[in-house]
N, C-alpha and C. Protein backbone atom coordinates (compact mmCIF):
# COMPACT_ATOMS: atom_id res chain seq x y z
N MET A 1 16.47 -17.75 7.41
CA MET A 1 16.87 -16.35 7.35
C MET A 1 15.67 -15.49 6.98
N LYS A 2 15.72 -14.25 7.48
CA LYS A 2 14.67 -13.31 7.12
C LYS A 2 15.32 -12.03 6.59
N LEU A 3 14.88 -11.62 5.40
CA LEU A 3 15.37 -10.38 4.81
C LEU A 3 14.33 -9.28 5.01
N TYR A 4 14.78 -8.20 5.59
CA TYR A 4 13.93 -7.02 5.75
C TYR A 4 14.18 -6.10 4.55
N TYR A 5 13.09 -5.65 3.92
CA TYR A 5 13.25 -4.84 2.71
C TYR A 5 12.20 -3.73 2.67
N ALA A 6 12.43 -2.79 1.79
CA ALA A 6 11.44 -1.77 1.45
C ALA A 6 11.40 -1.68 -0.07
N PRO A 7 10.25 -1.44 -0.66
CA PRO A 7 10.13 -1.42 -2.12
C PRO A 7 11.09 -0.42 -2.77
N GLY A 8 11.66 -0.82 -3.89
CA GLY A 8 12.50 0.08 -4.66
C GLY A 8 13.90 0.31 -4.14
N THR A 9 14.25 -0.32 -3.03
CA THR A 9 15.57 -0.08 -2.43
C THR A 9 16.57 -1.15 -2.86
N CYS A 10 17.82 -0.94 -2.46
CA CYS A 10 18.87 -1.90 -2.80
C CYS A 10 18.67 -3.24 -2.11
N ALA A 11 17.76 -3.30 -1.15
CA ALA A 11 17.45 -4.58 -0.51
C ALA A 11 16.91 -5.59 -1.52
N LEU A 12 16.35 -5.10 -2.61
CA LEU A 12 15.84 -6.02 -3.64
C LEU A 12 16.97 -6.81 -4.28
N ALA A 13 18.17 -6.23 -4.30
CA ALA A 13 19.33 -6.96 -4.82
C ALA A 13 19.62 -8.17 -3.95
N CYS A 14 19.45 -8.02 -2.66
CA CYS A 14 19.66 -9.13 -1.73
C CYS A 14 18.58 -10.19 -1.92
N TRP A 15 17.38 -9.74 -2.16
CA TRP A 15 16.26 -10.67 -2.39
C TRP A 15 16.50 -11.48 -3.66
N ILE A 16 16.90 -10.82 -4.73
CA ILE A 16 17.21 -11.53 -5.97
C ILE A 16 18.34 -12.53 -5.75
N SER A 17 19.36 -12.12 -5.03
CA SER A 17 20.49 -13.00 -4.75
C SER A 17 20.07 -14.21 -3.93
N LEU A 18 19.16 -14.01 -2.99
CA LEU A 18 18.64 -15.13 -2.21
C LEU A 18 17.89 -16.11 -3.11
N GLU A 19 17.13 -15.58 -4.06
CA GLU A 19 16.43 -16.45 -5.02
C GLU A 19 17.44 -17.26 -5.82
N TRP A 20 18.49 -16.63 -6.29
CA TRP A 20 19.51 -17.32 -7.06
C TRP A 20 20.27 -18.35 -6.22
N SER A 21 20.41 -18.07 -4.94
CA SER A 21 21.26 -18.90 -4.07
C SER A 21 20.65 -20.26 -3.75
N GLY A 22 19.31 -20.34 -3.72
CA GLY A 22 18.66 -21.57 -3.31
C GLY A 22 18.56 -21.73 -1.81
N LEU A 23 18.99 -20.73 -1.05
CA LEU A 23 18.91 -20.80 0.41
C LEU A 23 17.46 -20.62 0.87
N ASP A 24 17.15 -21.18 2.03
CA ASP A 24 15.83 -20.98 2.61
C ASP A 24 15.76 -19.59 3.23
N TYR A 25 14.70 -18.85 2.91
CA TYR A 25 14.59 -17.49 3.44
C TYR A 25 13.13 -17.05 3.41
N GLU A 26 12.86 -15.99 4.13
CA GLU A 26 11.59 -15.30 4.06
C GLU A 26 11.86 -13.81 4.03
N VAL A 27 10.87 -13.03 3.64
CA VAL A 27 11.05 -11.58 3.57
C VAL A 27 9.98 -10.88 4.40
N GLU A 28 10.33 -9.69 4.85
CA GLU A 28 9.37 -8.86 5.58
C GLU A 28 9.53 -7.42 5.13
N ARG A 29 8.44 -6.86 4.70
CA ARG A 29 8.45 -5.45 4.28
C ARG A 29 8.40 -4.55 5.51
N VAL A 30 9.21 -3.51 5.50
CA VAL A 30 9.27 -2.61 6.66
C VAL A 30 9.15 -1.17 6.20
N LYS A 31 8.88 -0.31 7.16
CA LYS A 31 8.86 1.13 6.92
C LYS A 31 10.18 1.69 7.42
N LEU A 32 10.92 2.31 6.52
CA LEU A 32 12.24 2.83 6.89
C LEU A 32 12.14 3.83 8.03
N GLY A 33 12.98 3.63 9.03
CA GLY A 33 13.05 4.56 10.14
C GLY A 33 11.94 4.42 11.16
N SER A 34 11.04 3.45 10.98
CA SER A 34 9.94 3.29 11.93
C SER A 34 10.47 2.80 13.27
N GLU A 35 9.72 3.08 14.31
CA GLU A 35 10.14 2.68 15.66
C GLU A 35 10.29 1.17 15.76
N GLU A 36 9.40 0.45 15.11
CA GLU A 36 9.46 -1.01 15.14
C GLU A 36 10.72 -1.53 14.44
N TYR A 37 11.01 -0.93 13.27
CA TYR A 37 12.17 -1.42 12.53
C TYR A 37 13.48 -0.99 13.16
N LEU A 38 13.50 0.12 13.86
CA LEU A 38 14.72 0.55 14.54
C LEU A 38 15.19 -0.47 15.57
N LYS A 39 14.27 -1.30 16.04
CA LYS A 39 14.65 -2.37 16.96
C LYS A 39 15.42 -3.47 16.23
N VAL A 40 15.20 -3.58 14.93
CA VAL A 40 15.92 -4.56 14.12
C VAL A 40 17.26 -3.98 13.67
N ASN A 41 17.20 -2.80 13.09
CA ASN A 41 18.41 -2.11 12.63
C ASN A 41 18.37 -0.68 13.16
N PRO A 42 19.21 -0.36 14.12
CA PRO A 42 19.20 0.98 14.72
C PRO A 42 19.42 2.12 13.73
N LEU A 43 19.99 1.82 12.56
CA LEU A 43 20.18 2.84 11.53
C LEU A 43 18.89 3.09 10.74
N GLY A 44 17.94 2.18 10.87
CA GLY A 44 16.65 2.36 10.24
C GLY A 44 16.62 2.14 8.75
N MET A 45 17.69 1.58 8.19
CA MET A 45 17.79 1.39 6.74
C MET A 45 17.74 -0.09 6.38
N VAL A 46 17.47 -0.36 5.11
CA VAL A 46 17.50 -1.73 4.60
C VAL A 46 18.65 -1.84 3.60
N PRO A 47 19.14 -3.06 3.41
CA PRO A 47 18.63 -4.34 3.89
C PRO A 47 19.11 -4.67 5.30
N ALA A 48 18.45 -5.64 5.89
CA ALA A 48 18.92 -6.30 7.09
C ALA A 48 18.57 -7.77 6.94
N LEU A 49 19.50 -8.63 7.27
CA LEU A 49 19.29 -10.07 7.14
C LEU A 49 19.44 -10.71 8.50
N ASP A 50 18.35 -11.25 9.00
CA ASP A 50 18.35 -11.91 10.30
C ASP A 50 18.79 -13.36 10.09
N VAL A 51 19.99 -13.67 10.56
CA VAL A 51 20.55 -15.01 10.40
C VAL A 51 20.42 -15.75 11.73
N PRO A 52 19.64 -16.82 11.78
CA PRO A 52 19.45 -17.57 13.03
C PRO A 52 20.79 -18.03 13.62
N ASP A 53 20.88 -17.92 14.92
CA ASP A 53 22.08 -18.37 15.66
C ASP A 53 23.33 -17.58 15.29
N TYR A 54 23.15 -16.43 14.67
CA TYR A 54 24.31 -15.59 14.37
C TYR A 54 24.02 -14.15 14.75
N LYS A 55 23.48 -13.37 13.87
CA LYS A 55 23.18 -11.96 14.15
C LYS A 55 22.33 -11.40 13.02
N ILE A 56 21.98 -10.14 13.16
CA ILE A 56 21.32 -9.42 12.08
C ILE A 56 22.41 -8.69 11.30
N VAL A 57 22.55 -9.08 10.04
CA VAL A 57 23.58 -8.50 9.18
C VAL A 57 22.98 -7.31 8.44
N THR A 58 23.65 -6.16 8.50
CA THR A 58 23.20 -4.98 7.78
C THR A 58 24.25 -4.57 6.74
N GLN A 59 23.91 -3.59 5.93
CA GLN A 59 24.74 -3.10 4.82
C GLN A 59 24.67 -4.08 3.65
N ALA A 60 24.28 -3.56 2.51
CA ALA A 60 24.05 -4.41 1.33
C ALA A 60 25.26 -5.25 0.97
N ASN A 61 26.43 -4.65 1.00
CA ASN A 61 27.63 -5.39 0.62
C ASN A 61 27.85 -6.60 1.52
N ALA A 62 27.68 -6.40 2.83
CA ALA A 62 27.87 -7.49 3.78
C ALA A 62 26.81 -8.57 3.60
N VAL A 63 25.58 -8.16 3.37
CA VAL A 63 24.49 -9.13 3.18
C VAL A 63 24.72 -9.94 1.90
N LEU A 64 25.09 -9.26 0.83
CA LEU A 64 25.34 -9.95 -0.44
C LEU A 64 26.51 -10.92 -0.32
N ASN A 65 27.56 -10.50 0.37
CA ASN A 65 28.71 -11.39 0.58
C ASN A 65 28.31 -12.60 1.40
N TYR A 66 27.50 -12.40 2.42
CA TYR A 66 27.06 -13.52 3.26
C TYR A 66 26.27 -14.53 2.42
N ILE A 67 25.41 -14.03 1.55
CA ILE A 67 24.62 -14.92 0.70
C ILE A 67 25.53 -15.72 -0.23
N ALA A 68 26.49 -15.05 -0.85
CA ALA A 68 27.38 -15.72 -1.79
C ALA A 68 28.22 -16.79 -1.10
N VAL A 69 28.77 -16.46 0.06
CA VAL A 69 29.63 -17.42 0.78
C VAL A 69 28.81 -18.57 1.35
N SER A 70 27.56 -18.28 1.71
CA SER A 70 26.71 -19.32 2.30
C SER A 70 26.20 -20.33 1.28
N SER A 71 26.32 -19.99 0.01
CA SER A 71 25.82 -20.90 -1.04
C SER A 71 26.88 -21.05 -2.12
N PRO A 72 28.02 -21.67 -1.80
CA PRO A 72 29.11 -21.78 -2.77
C PRO A 72 28.71 -22.47 -4.06
N GLU A 73 27.75 -23.39 -3.97
CA GLU A 73 27.32 -24.11 -5.16
C GLU A 73 26.61 -23.20 -6.16
N SER A 74 26.10 -22.07 -5.70
CA SER A 74 25.42 -21.14 -6.60
C SER A 74 26.40 -20.27 -7.37
N GLN A 75 27.64 -20.23 -6.93
CA GLN A 75 28.71 -19.51 -7.61
C GLN A 75 28.34 -18.04 -7.84
N LEU A 76 27.89 -17.40 -6.78
CA LEU A 76 27.50 -15.99 -6.87
C LEU A 76 28.60 -15.04 -6.43
N GLY A 77 29.74 -15.59 -6.03
CA GLY A 77 30.86 -14.77 -5.62
C GLY A 77 31.99 -14.82 -6.63
N PRO A 78 33.15 -14.26 -6.28
CA PRO A 78 34.28 -14.22 -7.21
C PRO A 78 34.98 -15.56 -7.33
N ASP A 79 35.83 -15.67 -8.33
CA ASP A 79 36.70 -16.84 -8.44
C ASP A 79 37.67 -16.85 -7.26
N ALA A 80 38.34 -17.97 -7.05
CA ALA A 80 39.09 -18.17 -5.82
C ALA A 80 40.43 -17.45 -5.76
N ASP A 81 41.04 -17.16 -6.90
CA ASP A 81 42.38 -16.59 -6.85
C ASP A 81 42.35 -15.13 -6.39
N LEU A 82 43.49 -14.67 -5.90
CA LEU A 82 43.58 -13.33 -5.29
C LEU A 82 43.21 -12.23 -6.26
N GLN A 83 43.68 -12.30 -7.48
CA GLN A 83 43.38 -11.25 -8.45
C GLN A 83 41.88 -11.17 -8.73
N ALA A 84 41.24 -12.32 -8.83
CA ALA A 84 39.80 -12.34 -9.08
C ALA A 84 39.03 -11.74 -7.91
N GLN A 85 39.42 -12.10 -6.70
CA GLN A 85 38.75 -11.57 -5.52
C GLN A 85 38.98 -10.06 -5.38
N THR A 86 40.19 -9.62 -5.71
CA THR A 86 40.49 -8.19 -5.66
C THR A 86 39.64 -7.44 -6.67
N GLU A 87 39.54 -7.98 -7.87
CA GLU A 87 38.71 -7.36 -8.92
C GLU A 87 37.26 -7.27 -8.48
N PHE A 88 36.76 -8.35 -7.91
CA PHE A 88 35.37 -8.38 -7.45
C PHE A 88 35.16 -7.37 -6.32
N ASN A 89 36.08 -7.35 -5.36
CA ASN A 89 35.96 -6.42 -4.24
C ASN A 89 36.01 -4.97 -4.71
N GLU A 90 36.81 -4.72 -5.73
CA GLU A 90 36.90 -3.37 -6.29
C GLU A 90 35.57 -2.97 -6.91
N ILE A 91 34.95 -3.91 -7.63
CA ILE A 91 33.65 -3.63 -8.24
C ILE A 91 32.59 -3.36 -7.18
N MET A 92 32.57 -4.18 -6.13
CA MET A 92 31.60 -3.99 -5.07
C MET A 92 31.83 -2.67 -4.33
N ALA A 93 33.09 -2.29 -4.17
CA ALA A 93 33.41 -1.02 -3.53
C ALA A 93 32.92 0.15 -4.39
N PHE A 94 33.05 0.01 -5.70
CA PHE A 94 32.52 1.03 -6.61
C PHE A 94 31.01 1.13 -6.47
N LEU A 95 30.33 -0.01 -6.44
CA LEU A 95 28.87 0.01 -6.34
C LEU A 95 28.40 0.62 -5.03
N THR A 96 29.07 0.30 -3.93
CA THR A 96 28.65 0.80 -2.63
C THR A 96 29.17 2.20 -2.34
N GLY A 97 30.36 2.52 -2.86
CA GLY A 97 31.00 3.78 -2.48
C GLY A 97 30.86 4.90 -3.49
N ASP A 98 30.60 4.58 -4.76
CA ASP A 98 30.47 5.60 -5.79
C ASP A 98 29.08 5.62 -6.42
N PHE A 99 28.65 4.47 -6.90
CA PHE A 99 27.38 4.41 -7.63
C PHE A 99 26.19 4.70 -6.72
N HIS A 100 26.06 3.96 -5.66
CA HIS A 100 24.93 4.12 -4.74
C HIS A 100 24.83 5.55 -4.19
N PRO A 101 25.91 6.09 -3.61
CA PRO A 101 25.82 7.44 -3.04
C PRO A 101 25.56 8.54 -4.07
N SER A 102 25.85 8.28 -5.34
CA SER A 102 25.65 9.32 -6.34
C SER A 102 24.18 9.72 -6.45
N PHE A 103 23.28 8.82 -6.07
CA PHE A 103 21.84 9.10 -6.16
C PHE A 103 21.30 9.85 -4.93
N TRP A 104 22.01 9.83 -3.84
CA TRP A 104 21.46 10.39 -2.61
C TRP A 104 21.07 11.86 -2.73
N PRO A 105 21.89 12.72 -3.35
CA PRO A 105 21.48 14.12 -3.45
C PRO A 105 20.22 14.33 -4.30
N ILE A 106 19.95 13.38 -5.21
CA ILE A 106 18.74 13.49 -6.03
C ILE A 106 17.51 13.22 -5.18
N PHE A 107 17.60 12.20 -4.34
CA PHE A 107 16.46 11.82 -3.51
C PHE A 107 16.28 12.76 -2.32
N SER A 108 17.39 13.26 -1.76
CA SER A 108 17.32 14.10 -0.55
C SER A 108 18.29 15.27 -0.66
N PRO A 109 18.05 16.23 -1.55
CA PRO A 109 18.99 17.34 -1.73
C PRO A 109 19.16 18.20 -0.48
N ASN A 110 18.14 18.21 0.38
CA ASN A 110 18.21 19.02 1.59
C ASN A 110 19.31 18.57 2.54
N ARG A 111 19.80 17.34 2.37
CA ARG A 111 20.87 16.84 3.23
C ARG A 111 22.23 17.40 2.83
N TYR A 112 22.30 18.05 1.66
CA TYR A 112 23.59 18.47 1.12
C TYR A 112 23.74 19.99 1.04
N THR A 113 22.84 20.71 1.70
CA THR A 113 22.95 22.16 1.80
C THR A 113 22.13 22.63 2.99
N VAL A 114 22.59 23.73 3.58
CA VAL A 114 21.82 24.30 4.70
C VAL A 114 20.73 25.22 4.18
N SER A 115 20.77 25.50 2.88
CA SER A 115 19.78 26.39 2.27
C SER A 115 18.47 25.66 2.03
N LYS A 116 17.39 26.43 2.11
CA LYS A 116 16.08 25.89 1.78
C LYS A 116 15.52 26.52 0.51
N LYS A 117 16.38 27.29 -0.18
CA LYS A 117 15.96 27.95 -1.41
C LYS A 117 15.85 26.92 -2.53
N ALA A 118 14.79 27.03 -3.29
CA ALA A 118 14.52 26.06 -4.35
C ALA A 118 15.65 26.01 -5.38
N ASP A 119 16.20 27.17 -5.74
CA ASP A 119 17.24 27.17 -6.77
C ASP A 119 18.52 26.51 -6.28
N GLU A 120 18.82 26.65 -4.99
CA GLU A 120 20.02 26.04 -4.44
C GLU A 120 19.84 24.53 -4.24
N LEU A 121 18.65 24.14 -3.89
CA LEU A 121 18.36 22.71 -3.80
C LEU A 121 18.43 22.08 -5.19
N ASP A 122 17.95 22.80 -6.19
CA ASP A 122 18.02 22.30 -7.56
C ASP A 122 19.46 22.19 -8.02
N ALA A 123 20.33 23.10 -7.57
CA ALA A 123 21.75 23.04 -7.95
C ALA A 123 22.39 21.77 -7.42
N VAL A 124 21.97 21.34 -6.23
CA VAL A 124 22.47 20.08 -5.66
C VAL A 124 22.06 18.91 -6.56
N VAL A 125 20.82 18.91 -6.98
CA VAL A 125 20.31 17.84 -7.83
C VAL A 125 21.02 17.83 -9.18
N GLN A 126 21.22 19.00 -9.77
CA GLN A 126 21.90 19.08 -11.07
C GLN A 126 23.32 18.55 -10.98
N ALA A 127 24.01 18.86 -9.88
CA ALA A 127 25.37 18.34 -9.69
C ALA A 127 25.35 16.82 -9.54
N ALA A 128 24.32 16.32 -8.89
CA ALA A 128 24.20 14.87 -8.70
C ALA A 128 23.98 14.17 -10.03
N TYR A 129 23.23 14.79 -10.93
CA TYR A 129 23.02 14.19 -12.25
C TYR A 129 24.36 13.92 -12.94
N GLN A 130 25.28 14.86 -12.82
CA GLN A 130 26.59 14.69 -13.44
C GLN A 130 27.36 13.54 -12.81
N ARG A 131 27.25 13.43 -11.49
CA ARG A 131 27.96 12.35 -10.81
C ARG A 131 27.36 10.99 -11.16
N VAL A 132 26.05 10.93 -11.28
CA VAL A 132 25.39 9.68 -11.67
C VAL A 132 25.84 9.29 -13.08
N ASP A 133 25.92 10.26 -13.97
CA ASP A 133 26.34 9.97 -15.34
C ASP A 133 27.75 9.39 -15.38
N ARG A 134 28.66 9.95 -14.57
CA ARG A 134 30.02 9.41 -14.52
C ARG A 134 30.02 7.97 -14.04
N ALA A 135 29.22 7.70 -13.00
CA ALA A 135 29.16 6.35 -12.45
C ALA A 135 28.52 5.38 -13.45
N MET A 136 27.47 5.84 -14.12
CA MET A 136 26.80 4.98 -15.11
C MET A 136 27.72 4.69 -16.29
N THR A 137 28.48 5.68 -16.71
CA THR A 137 29.43 5.49 -17.80
C THR A 137 30.50 4.47 -17.40
N PHE A 138 30.97 4.56 -16.16
CA PHE A 138 31.96 3.61 -15.66
C PHE A 138 31.37 2.21 -15.61
N LEU A 139 30.13 2.08 -15.13
CA LEU A 139 29.46 0.79 -15.07
C LEU A 139 29.27 0.21 -16.47
N ASP A 140 28.92 1.06 -17.41
CA ASP A 140 28.77 0.62 -18.80
C ASP A 140 30.07 0.03 -19.31
N GLY A 141 31.19 0.63 -18.92
CA GLY A 141 32.50 0.11 -19.32
C GLY A 141 32.83 -1.20 -18.63
N LEU A 142 32.43 -1.34 -17.37
CA LEU A 142 32.67 -2.59 -16.65
C LEU A 142 31.96 -3.75 -17.35
N ILE A 143 30.75 -3.52 -17.77
CA ILE A 143 29.96 -4.57 -18.42
C ILE A 143 30.56 -4.90 -19.78
N GLY A 144 30.98 -3.89 -20.51
CA GLY A 144 31.59 -4.12 -21.82
C GLY A 144 30.68 -4.89 -22.74
N ASP A 145 31.24 -5.88 -23.44
CA ASP A 145 30.44 -6.66 -24.38
C ASP A 145 29.88 -7.94 -23.76
N THR A 146 29.78 -7.96 -22.41
CA THR A 146 29.26 -9.12 -21.70
C THR A 146 27.84 -8.84 -21.22
N ASP A 147 27.28 -9.79 -20.47
CA ASP A 147 25.95 -9.61 -19.88
C ASP A 147 26.01 -9.49 -18.36
N HIS A 148 27.21 -9.28 -17.81
CA HIS A 148 27.37 -9.24 -16.36
C HIS A 148 28.36 -8.15 -15.96
N VAL A 149 28.36 -7.85 -14.67
CA VAL A 149 29.24 -6.80 -14.15
C VAL A 149 30.65 -7.32 -13.89
N TYR A 150 30.75 -8.59 -13.52
CA TYR A 150 32.04 -9.19 -13.17
C TYR A 150 32.34 -10.39 -14.05
N ARG A 151 33.39 -10.30 -14.85
CA ARG A 151 33.94 -11.42 -15.62
C ARG A 151 32.91 -12.24 -16.40
N ASN A 152 31.89 -11.60 -16.86
CA ASN A 152 30.83 -12.27 -17.63
C ASN A 152 30.29 -13.50 -16.92
N GLN A 153 30.12 -13.39 -15.60
CA GLN A 153 29.49 -14.47 -14.86
C GLN A 153 28.53 -13.88 -13.83
N ARG A 154 27.48 -14.62 -13.57
CA ARG A 154 26.45 -14.14 -12.65
C ARG A 154 26.97 -14.12 -11.22
N THR A 155 26.89 -12.97 -10.58
CA THR A 155 27.29 -12.83 -9.18
C THR A 155 26.31 -11.90 -8.48
N VAL A 156 26.51 -11.72 -7.19
CA VAL A 156 25.66 -10.80 -6.42
C VAL A 156 25.85 -9.36 -6.84
N ALA A 157 26.90 -9.08 -7.61
CA ALA A 157 27.10 -7.71 -8.12
C ALA A 157 26.04 -7.34 -9.15
N ASP A 158 25.53 -8.32 -9.86
CA ASP A 158 24.56 -8.04 -10.91
C ASP A 158 23.26 -7.42 -10.38
N PRO A 159 22.59 -8.05 -9.43
CA PRO A 159 21.34 -7.45 -8.96
C PRO A 159 21.54 -6.11 -8.25
N TYR A 160 22.70 -5.95 -7.63
CA TYR A 160 22.98 -4.67 -6.97
C TYR A 160 23.08 -3.56 -8.01
N ALA A 161 23.85 -3.81 -9.07
CA ALA A 161 23.97 -2.83 -10.15
C ALA A 161 22.61 -2.61 -10.82
N PHE A 162 21.87 -3.68 -11.01
CA PHE A 162 20.58 -3.61 -11.68
C PHE A 162 19.60 -2.71 -10.93
N VAL A 163 19.44 -2.96 -9.65
CA VAL A 163 18.46 -2.20 -8.87
C VAL A 163 18.81 -0.71 -8.87
N MET A 164 20.06 -0.39 -8.66
CA MET A 164 20.44 1.02 -8.61
C MET A 164 20.35 1.67 -9.98
N ALA A 165 20.64 0.93 -11.04
CA ALA A 165 20.52 1.50 -12.38
C ALA A 165 19.07 1.87 -12.70
N THR A 166 18.12 1.15 -12.12
CA THR A 166 16.71 1.48 -12.37
C THR A 166 16.39 2.88 -11.84
N TRP A 167 17.12 3.34 -10.84
CA TRP A 167 16.88 4.67 -10.28
C TRP A 167 17.22 5.77 -11.29
N SER A 168 18.02 5.45 -12.29
CA SER A 168 18.45 6.48 -13.23
C SER A 168 17.30 7.03 -14.07
N VAL A 169 16.15 6.38 -14.03
CA VAL A 169 15.00 6.92 -14.77
C VAL A 169 14.57 8.27 -14.17
N LYS A 170 15.07 8.59 -12.98
CA LYS A 170 14.77 9.86 -12.34
C LYS A 170 15.76 10.95 -12.76
N THR A 171 16.66 10.62 -13.68
CA THR A 171 17.66 11.57 -14.15
C THR A 171 17.43 11.88 -15.63
N PRO A 172 18.10 12.91 -16.16
CA PRO A 172 17.93 13.23 -17.58
C PRO A 172 18.49 12.16 -18.52
N LYS A 173 19.36 11.28 -18.01
CA LYS A 173 19.97 10.27 -18.86
C LYS A 173 19.77 8.89 -18.22
N PRO A 174 18.67 8.22 -18.52
CA PRO A 174 18.37 6.92 -17.92
C PRO A 174 19.26 5.81 -18.48
N TRP A 175 19.13 4.64 -17.90
CA TRP A 175 19.98 3.50 -18.27
C TRP A 175 19.84 3.10 -19.73
N THR A 176 18.72 3.41 -20.34
CA THR A 176 18.51 3.03 -21.73
C THR A 176 19.49 3.72 -22.69
N GLU A 177 20.15 4.78 -22.24
CA GLU A 177 21.06 5.53 -23.10
C GLU A 177 22.52 5.07 -23.00
N TYR A 178 22.75 4.01 -22.24
CA TYR A 178 24.09 3.42 -22.13
C TYR A 178 24.03 2.04 -22.78
N PRO A 179 24.65 1.83 -23.91
CA PRO A 179 24.42 0.60 -24.70
C PRO A 179 24.69 -0.70 -23.97
N ASN A 180 25.81 -0.81 -23.30
CA ASN A 180 26.13 -2.07 -22.60
C ASN A 180 25.21 -2.28 -21.40
N LEU A 181 24.96 -1.20 -20.69
CA LEU A 181 24.07 -1.27 -19.54
C LEU A 181 22.64 -1.60 -19.98
N ALA A 182 22.21 -1.05 -21.09
CA ALA A 182 20.86 -1.34 -21.59
C ALA A 182 20.72 -2.82 -21.91
N ARG A 183 21.75 -3.40 -22.50
CA ARG A 183 21.71 -4.84 -22.80
C ARG A 183 21.67 -5.65 -21.51
N PHE A 184 22.49 -5.27 -20.55
CA PHE A 184 22.53 -5.93 -19.24
C PHE A 184 21.16 -5.86 -18.56
N MET A 185 20.55 -4.69 -18.57
CA MET A 185 19.26 -4.52 -17.91
C MET A 185 18.19 -5.39 -18.57
N LYS A 186 18.24 -5.51 -19.88
CA LYS A 186 17.28 -6.35 -20.60
C LYS A 186 17.42 -7.81 -20.18
N VAL A 187 18.67 -8.28 -20.09
CA VAL A 187 18.92 -9.65 -19.65
C VAL A 187 18.41 -9.87 -18.23
N MET A 188 18.67 -8.91 -17.36
CA MET A 188 18.22 -9.04 -15.97
C MET A 188 16.70 -9.08 -15.89
N LYS A 189 16.04 -8.21 -16.63
CA LYS A 189 14.59 -8.14 -16.57
C LYS A 189 13.95 -9.45 -17.07
N GLU A 190 14.67 -10.17 -17.92
CA GLU A 190 14.15 -11.44 -18.44
C GLU A 190 14.43 -12.61 -17.51
N ASP A 191 15.21 -12.39 -16.47
CA ASP A 191 15.51 -13.45 -15.50
C ASP A 191 14.27 -13.73 -14.64
N GLU A 192 13.96 -15.00 -14.44
CA GLU A 192 12.75 -15.37 -13.70
C GLU A 192 12.77 -14.88 -12.26
N ALA A 193 13.91 -15.00 -11.60
CA ALA A 193 14.01 -14.56 -10.21
C ALA A 193 13.84 -13.06 -10.10
N VAL A 194 14.43 -12.33 -11.01
CA VAL A 194 14.31 -10.87 -11.01
C VAL A 194 12.86 -10.47 -11.21
N ALA A 195 12.20 -11.06 -12.18
CA ALA A 195 10.79 -10.75 -12.45
C ALA A 195 9.93 -11.08 -11.24
N LYS A 196 10.22 -12.19 -10.59
CA LYS A 196 9.45 -12.59 -9.40
C LYS A 196 9.60 -11.57 -8.29
N VAL A 197 10.83 -11.16 -8.02
CA VAL A 197 11.08 -10.22 -6.93
C VAL A 197 10.45 -8.85 -7.23
N LEU A 198 10.59 -8.39 -8.45
CA LEU A 198 10.00 -7.10 -8.81
C LEU A 198 8.49 -7.11 -8.65
N GLN A 199 7.86 -8.23 -8.96
CA GLN A 199 6.41 -8.34 -8.81
C GLN A 199 5.99 -8.41 -7.35
N LEU A 200 6.68 -9.23 -6.57
CA LEU A 200 6.31 -9.43 -5.17
C LEU A 200 6.66 -8.25 -4.28
N SER A 201 7.61 -7.44 -4.69
CA SER A 201 8.10 -6.38 -3.82
C SER A 201 7.33 -5.08 -3.95
N LYS A 202 6.35 -5.04 -4.82
CA LYS A 202 5.59 -3.80 -5.03
C LYS A 202 4.80 -3.38 -3.79
């Protein structure tokens, strides 16, 4: 398998998960939206996972799920019962549908207004800060007194939450100000696979 990534993006969560999984893989750094990469993923975004004899899988949630299911011995997915899977799917939906998008107006405020006025663009960013805080507070509650996002066990949800939480340093209230999340981030940063990926992905 080959994982296409760009530095600092959620694709690093897939890379960390691949390290945890024990699966054979390689990585390739790409330029988002480049003509060459558009041939791999027409949306021009990462991650993309090229799976031999299958297809190129896009969207972080789908890639992470593929990794977890492909390596059952690594136990990176939810428990087998319906309630556990529903809980896990709900968490992943929060990460992909609420947490991740909350940062978009901060990175690209021009996409959320037709105005080019600096004060109106800043208003978009200020509103996004509030949305990020709500999502971070919810994530802090999910973690609770554990070291993981789901049922105090290591899953593909952990690196996804970790990578996106690092983006909060661009807001007035970074991850260090959420007690449970701060503990979680410390544990993640001490993980060998996480440290390896952060170093190699620069």
